[in-house]
Amino acid sequence: HLALSPSDVILEIGTGTGAFAREAARLCHKVIAIDVSPAMLEYAALRAREEQLDNVVFVNAGFLTYQHHDVPLAAIVSQTALHHLPDVWKLIALERLSGFLREEGRLYLSDVVYSDRVQTDWAAVFQQAIDYTGGDGREETATHIREEYSTFDWIMREMLVRAGFEIEWAELENDFLGRYLCRRAPRVPNLLGGGVSV
């Protein structure tokens, strides 16, 4: 879906073990893989060295602290990380990401996002999420439901648009797992300089 080419530079936010970053590194020029956990970055970097991948750069940063000083990005990927931010900071983070992308650059976002179609039985939705995780992850999922900042699909879609993205496709799995493929919206200069999304 990202249509990566050998000259592309991409960013992964919340790289964790670096599994996606290592796969993507085989398809593009460079992957910048960021995470707020030094321990995860150390493990991910070790795995990249074992696989003799020298085009993955690991950076200790997050949505709100990463500073991009490279060429405009072809793509940004984030999986199960944005829910750590309350909605106001989600929007600020998404606006920052839009600014890092080149024209027509893509964002792939996958996270815990709740369906707005659910009317009454939220207990069943939460239990379905816990059961979906299974095994040792059940307690972690229950903690997430109690304490993290997941949002509704309609809010996530609106934030993406306000941040300067066009949603190419979106899907919800089991009313709690959202996936969004977006393209940076075209910007046109205004009379005062700068740019606005259209």
Protein backbone atom coordinates (compact mmCIF):
# COMPACT_ATOMS: atom_id res chain seq x y z
CA HIS A 1 0.00 0.00 0.00
CA LEU A 2 2.91 2.39 0.62
CA ALA A 3 4.35 1.75 -2.88
CA LEU A 4 7.92 2.12 -1.62
CA SER A 5 10.80 2.60 -4.05
CA PRO A 6 14.57 2.09 -3.58
CA SER A 7 15.14 5.86 -3.23
CA ASP A 8 12.53 6.44 -0.51
CA VAL A 9 13.16 7.51 3.09
CA ILE A 10 10.47 6.48 5.56
CA LEU A 11 9.75 6.93 9.26
CA GLU A 12 8.34 4.38 11.69
CA ILE A 13 7.00 5.69 14.99
CA GLY A 14 6.95 3.22 17.87
CA THR A 15 9.25 0.71 16.19
CA GLY A 16 9.31 -1.65 19.19
CA THR A 17 11.28 -4.74 18.14
CA GLY A 18 11.99 -3.16 14.75
CA ALA A 19 10.27 -5.91 12.75
CA PHE A 20 8.57 -3.54 10.31
CA ALA A 21 11.64 -1.28 10.03
CA ARG A 22 13.84 -4.24 9.08
CA GLU A 23 11.43 -5.46 6.41
CA ALA A 24 10.97 -1.96 4.99
CA ALA A 25 14.75 -1.43 4.90
CA ARG A 26 14.95 -4.11 2.21
CA LEU A 27 12.63 -2.07 -0.03
CA CYS A 28 13.77 1.52 0.41
CA HIS A 29 16.84 3.73 0.81
CA LYS A 30 16.53 4.44 4.54
CA VAL A 31 14.23 3.80 7.49
CA ILE A 32 14.23 6.13 10.48
CA ALA A 33 12.85 4.03 13.34
CA ILE A 34 11.90 5.88 16.51
CA ASP A 35 10.72 4.72 19.91
CA VAL A 36 10.51 6.20 23.40
CA SER A 37 11.98 3.03 24.94
CA PRO A 38 15.80 2.83 24.91
CA ALA A 39 15.58 -0.90 25.70
CA MET A 40 13.40 -1.58 22.65
CA LEU A 41 15.71 0.51 20.44
CA GLU A 42 18.74 -1.44 21.68
CA TYR A 43 17.03 -4.74 20.86
CA ALA A 44 15.83 -3.50 17.44
CA ALA A 45 19.31 -2.20 16.55
CA LEU A 46 20.86 -5.53 17.56
CA ARG A 47 18.46 -7.39 15.27
CA ALA A 48 19.23 -5.01 12.39
CA ARG A 49 22.98 -5.60 12.84
CA GLU A 50 22.41 -9.38 12.92
CA GLU A 51 20.57 -9.07 9.60
CA GLN A 52 23.35 -6.82 8.22
CA LEU A 53 20.99 -3.92 7.58
CA ASP A 54 22.90 -0.66 7.65
CA ASN A 55 20.12 1.60 6.35
CA VAL A 56 18.00 1.69 9.52
CA VAL A 57 18.61 4.65 11.83
CA PHE A 58 17.27 4.21 15.38
CA VAL A 59 16.30 7.35 17.30
CA ASN A 60 15.05 7.72 20.88
CA ALA A 61 12.03 9.99 20.33
CA GLY A 62 8.25 10.05 20.08
CA PHE A 63 5.45 11.76 18.18
CA LEU A 64 5.99 15.09 19.90
CA THR A 65 9.78 15.11 20.27
CA TYR A 66 11.13 13.74 16.99
CA GLN A 67 12.78 16.43 14.86
CA HIS A 68 13.03 15.61 11.16
CA HIS A 69 16.10 17.05 9.42
CA ASP A 70 16.32 14.65 6.50
CA VAL A 71 14.69 14.80 3.05
CA PRO A 72 10.86 14.91 3.05
CA LEU A 73 9.52 11.45 3.82
CA ALA A 74 7.85 9.14 1.32
CA ALA A 75 5.88 7.43 4.08
CA ILE A 76 5.25 7.27 7.82
CA VAL A 77 4.05 4.15 9.62
CA SER A 78 2.71 3.94 13.17
CA GLN A 79 1.17 0.83 14.69
CA THR A 80 -0.40 0.76 18.16
CA ALA A 81 1.42 3.84 19.45
CA LEU A 82 -0.81 6.89 18.94
CA HIS A 83 -3.21 5.79 21.71
CA HIS A 84 -0.60 6.85 24.27
CA LEU A 85 -1.58 10.49 23.55
CA PRO A 86 -4.82 12.26 24.53
CA ASP A 87 -6.81 13.57 21.56
CA VAL A 88 -5.47 17.13 21.69
CA TRP A 89 -1.91 15.80 21.43
CA LYS A 90 -2.93 13.26 18.80
CA LEU A 91 -3.99 16.12 16.52
CA ILE A 92 -0.78 18.04 17.18
CA ALA A 93 1.25 14.89 16.46
CA LEU A 94 -0.61 14.22 13.21
CA GLU A 95 -0.08 17.82 12.07
CA ARG A 96 3.65 17.39 12.72
CA LEU A 97 3.70 14.17 10.70
CA SER A 98 1.95 15.82 7.77
CA GLY A 99 4.70 18.43 7.70
CA PHE A 100 7.40 15.75 7.48
CA LEU A 101 5.93 14.15 4.35
CA ARG A 102 6.69 15.04 0.76
CA GLU A 103 3.84 15.91 -1.59
CA GLU A 104 1.64 12.83 -1.97
CA GLY A 105 3.52 11.11 0.86
CA ARG A 106 1.57 8.44 2.72
CA LEU A 107 0.70 7.73 6.33
CA TYR A 108 -0.29 4.26 7.51
CA LEU A 109 -1.83 4.29 10.97
CA SER A 110 -3.04 1.25 12.89
CA ASP A 111 -4.27 1.61 16.45
CA VAL A 112 -6.96 0.88 19.00
CA VAL A 113 -9.88 2.95 17.71
CA TYR A 114 -13.45 2.25 18.68
CA SER A 115 -16.36 2.02 16.28
CA ASP A 116 -19.02 4.71 16.56
CA ARG A 117 -21.59 2.10 15.49
CA VAL A 118 -21.65 0.41 18.87
CA GLN A 119 -24.77 1.63 20.67
CA THR A 120 -25.16 -0.19 23.95
CA ASP A 121 -23.03 -3.22 24.71
CA TRP A 122 -19.61 -1.71 25.37
CA ALA A 123 -18.80 -4.46 27.86
CA ALA A 124 -19.02 -6.96 24.98
CA VAL A 125 -16.73 -4.82 22.79
CA PHE A 126 -14.14 -4.55 25.56
CA GLN A 127 -14.34 -8.28 26.28
CA GLN A 128 -13.94 -9.01 22.56
CA ALA A 129 -10.76 -6.89 22.53
CA ILE A 130 -9.38 -8.75 25.55
CA ASP A 131 -10.23 -12.14 24.02
CA TYR A 132 -8.72 -11.07 20.67
CA THR A 133 -5.37 -10.45 22.36
CA GLY A 134 -5.42 -13.76 24.22
CA GLY A 135 -2.78 -15.33 26.44
CA ASP A 136 -0.41 -13.08 28.36
CA GLY A 137 -1.70 -9.99 26.55
CA ARG A 138 -5.17 -10.16 28.09
CA GLU A 139 -4.24 -8.24 31.25
CA GLU A 140 -2.30 -5.66 29.22
CA THR A 141 -5.35 -5.12 27.00
CA ALA A 142 -7.61 -4.74 30.03
CA THR A 143 -5.20 -2.16 31.46
CA HIS A 144 -5.20 -0.36 28.11
CA ILE A 145 -9.00 -0.14 28.11
CA ARG A 146 -8.96 1.32 31.63
CA GLU A 147 -6.05 3.72 31.31
CA GLU A 148 -5.04 4.55 27.72
CA TYR A 149 -6.38 7.20 25.33
CA SER A 150 -8.09 5.33 22.52
CA THR A 151 -10.65 7.32 20.58
CA PHE A 152 -13.60 6.85 18.24
CA ASP A 153 -13.26 6.20 14.51
CA TRP A 154 -15.20 9.35 13.57
CA ILE A 155 -12.87 11.47 15.73
CA MET A 156 -9.76 9.83 14.27
CA ARG A 157 -10.99 10.45 10.72
CA GLU A 158 -11.69 14.11 11.50
CA MET A 159 -8.27 14.55 13.12
CA LEU A 160 -6.55 13.06 10.09
CA VAL A 161 -8.35 15.44 7.74
CA ARG A 162 -7.69 18.46 9.95
CA ALA A 163 -4.03 17.49 10.15
CA GLY A 164 -3.73 17.70 6.36
CA PHE A 165 -4.42 14.16 5.16
CA GLU A 166 -6.78 12.62 2.63
CA ILE A 167 -7.98 9.18 3.74
CA GLU A 168 -7.53 6.69 0.91
CA TRP A 169 -9.06 3.80 2.82
CA ALA A 170 -9.97 2.92 6.37
CA GLU A 171 -11.22 -0.18 8.11
CA LEU A 172 -12.23 -1.26 11.58
CA GLU A 173 -11.68 -4.80 12.78
CA ASN A 174 -13.97 -6.10 15.53
CA ASP A 175 -15.11 -2.55 16.40
CA PHE A 176 -11.81 -1.69 18.12
CA LEU A 177 -8.84 -1.91 15.74
CA GLY A 178 -8.61 0.88 13.18
CA ARG A 179 -6.38 0.98 10.12
CA TYR A 180 -6.00 4.08 7.95
CA LEU A 181 -4.03 4.69 4.77
CA CYS A 182 -3.74 8.40 4.08
CA ARG A 183 -2.07 10.66 1.58
CA ARG A 184 -0.80 14.12 2.43
CA ALA A 185 -3.36 16.53 1.02
CA PRO A 186 -2.13 18.90 -1.71
CA ARG A 187 -1.10 22.30 -0.45
CA VAL A 188 -1.53 25.49 -2.40
CA PRO A 189 0.24 28.73 -1.56
CA ASN A 190 -1.94 31.51 -0.21
CA LEU A 191 -1.52 35.21 -0.94
CA LEU A 192 0.27 35.78 2.35
CA GLY A 193 2.83 33.02 1.72
CA GLY A 194 3.00 29.60 3.30
CA GLY A 195 0.46 26.99 2.39
CA VAL A 196 -2.95 25.68 3.19
CA SER A 197 -4.46 22.28 2.66
CA VAL A 198 -7.26 22.01 0.11
